[in-house]
Amino acid sequence: MPDTQPRRNDRVGGGEDGVPETTAQRRARRAQFLRDLMEARALRDRVQPRRARAARMRQQMRMRTFRW
């Protein structure tokens, strides 16, 4: 069975040349990841509205009881 998990050197920004990724490349990759994450959360909220509402309520309670 072939290895489906990428090895550490097979990273998107690393490249085959062994050239380390630049800060700009890392930031762009992170920004894309965060956009995808927000899209996935929005989709989950639309698909499971009751669970999303409960999560919002829990977050509000956390913020209400948080002390600076």
C-alpha atoms as a PDB file:
ATOM      1  CA  MET A   1       0.000   0.000   0.000  1.00  0.00           C
ATOM      2  CA  PRO A   2       1.523   3.353  -1.002  1.00  0.00           C
ATOM      3  CA  ASP A   3       2.226   5.995   1.592  1.00  0.00           C
ATOM      4  CA  THR A   4      -0.534   8.602   1.251  1.00  0.00           C
ATOM      5  CA  GLN A   5       0.734  10.953   3.954  1.00  0.00           C
ATOM      6  CA  PRO A   6       3.156  13.612   2.682  1.00  0.00           C
ATOM      7  CA  ARG A   7       6.602  13.460   4.152  1.00  0.00           C
ATOM      8  CA  ARG A   8       8.064  16.551   5.801  1.00  0.00           C
ATOM      9  CA  ASN A   9      10.186  17.373   2.736  1.00  0.00           C
ATOM     10  CA  ASP A  10       7.146  17.115   0.452  1.00  0.00           C
ATOM     11  CA  ARG A  11       5.563  20.288   1.822  1.00  0.00           C
ATOM     12  CA  VAL A  12       3.836  22.637  -0.565  1.00  0.00           C
ATOM     13  CA  GLY A  13       6.286  25.488  -0.056  1.00  0.00           C
ATOM     14  CA  GLY A  14       9.422  23.401   0.438  1.00  0.00           C
ATOM     15  CA  GLY A  15       9.857  22.259  -3.121  1.00  0.00           C
ATOM     16  CA  GLU A  16      12.021  19.550  -4.616  1.00  0.00           C
ATOM     17  CA  ASP A  17      15.092  21.764  -4.699  1.00  0.00           C
ATOM     18  CA  GLY A  18      15.304  21.917  -0.929  1.00  0.00           C
ATOM     19  CA  VAL A  19      14.821  25.682  -1.102  1.00  0.00           C
ATOM     20  CA  PRO A  20      13.098  26.944   2.055  1.00  0.00           C
ATOM     21  CA  GLU A  21       9.848  28.799   1.496  1.00  0.00           C
ATOM     22  CA  THR A  22       9.843  32.537   1.912  1.00  0.00           C
ATOM     23  CA  THR A  23       7.844  34.392   4.520  1.00  0.00           C
ATOM     24  CA  ALA A  24       5.505  35.676   1.824  1.00  0.00           C
ATOM     25  CA  GLN A  25       4.833  32.146   0.571  1.00  0.00           C
ATOM     26  CA  ARG A  26       4.160  30.913   4.094  1.00  0.00           C
ATOM     27  CA  ARG A  27       1.779  33.811   4.756  1.00  0.00           C
ATOM     28  CA  ALA A  28      -0.058  33.218   1.479  1.00  0.00           C
ATOM     29  CA  ARG A  29      -0.405  29.516   2.292  1.00  0.00           C
ATOM     30  CA  ARG A  30      -1.650  30.346   5.802  1.00  0.00           C
ATOM     31  CA  ALA A  31      -4.137  32.905   4.455  1.00  0.00           C
ATOM     32  CA  GLN A  32      -5.509  30.315   2.026  1.00  0.00           C
ATOM     33  CA  PHE A  33      -5.812  27.792   4.851  1.00  0.00           C
ATOM     34  CA  LEU A  34      -7.693  30.278   7.037  1.00  0.00           C
ATOM     35  CA  ARG A  35     -10.059  31.146   4.162  1.00  0.00           C
ATOM     36  CA  ASP A  36     -10.779  27.448   3.629  1.00  0.00           C
ATOM     37  CA  LEU A  37     -11.317  26.965   7.354  1.00  0.00           C
ATOM     38  CA  MET A  38     -13.806  29.832   7.570  1.00  0.00           C
ATOM     39  CA  GLU A  39     -15.642  28.483   4.515  1.00  0.00           C
ATOM     40  CA  ALA A  40     -15.850  25.029   6.091  1.00  0.00           C
ATOM     41  CA  ARG A  41     -17.169  26.478   9.351  1.00  0.00           C
ATOM     42  CA  ALA A  42     -19.783  28.524   7.505  1.00  0.00           C
ATOM     43  CA  LEU A  43     -20.896  25.424   5.611  1.00  0.00           C
ATOM     44  CA  ARG A  44     -21.127  23.424   8.835  1.00  0.00           C
ATOM     45  CA  ASP A  45     -23.167  26.222  10.425  1.00  0.00           C
ATOM     46  CA  ARG A  46     -25.621  26.159   7.520  1.00  0.00           C
ATOM     47  CA  VAL A  47     -25.905  22.387   7.570  1.00  0.00           C
ATOM     48  CA  GLN A  48     -26.227  22.046  11.363  1.00  0.00           C
ATOM     49  CA  PRO A  49     -27.990  25.201  12.598  1.00  0.00           C
ATOM     50  CA  ARG A  50     -28.857  23.823  16.040  1.00  0.00           C
ATOM     51  CA  ARG A  51     -25.270  22.864  16.781  1.00  0.00           C
ATOM     52  CA  ALA A  52     -24.057  26.208  15.427  1.00  0.00           C
ATOM     53  CA  ARG A  53     -26.491  28.085  17.680  1.00  0.00           C
ATOM     54  CA  ALA A  54     -25.345  26.097  20.711  1.00  0.00           C
ATOM     55  CA  ALA A  55     -21.719  26.857  19.854  1.00  0.00           C
ATOM     56  CA  ARG A  56     -22.525  30.576  19.571  1.00  0.00           C
ATOM     57  CA  MET A  57     -24.235  30.501  22.949  1.00  0.00           C
ATOM     58  CA  ARG A  58     -21.259  28.767  24.555  1.00  0.00           C
ATOM     59  CA  GLN A  59     -18.906  31.332  23.024  1.00  0.00           C
ATOM     60  CA  GLN A  60     -21.072  34.177  24.353  1.00  0.00           C
ATOM     61  CA  MET A  61     -20.993  32.657  27.829  1.00  0.00           C
ATOM     62  CA  ARG A  62     -17.211  32.332  27.653  1.00  0.00           C
ATOM     63  CA  MET A  63     -16.876  35.956  26.637  1.00  0.00           C
ATOM     64  CA  ARG A  64     -19.370  37.092  29.293  1.00  0.00           C
ATOM     65  CA  THR A  65     -17.468  35.369  32.089  1.00  0.00           C
ATOM     66  CA  PHE A  66     -13.997  36.297  30.861  1.00  0.00           C
ATOM     67  CA  ARG A  67     -12.100  38.685  33.137  1.00  0.00           C
ATOM     68  CA  TRP A  68      -9.366  41.026  31.912  1.00  0.00           C
END
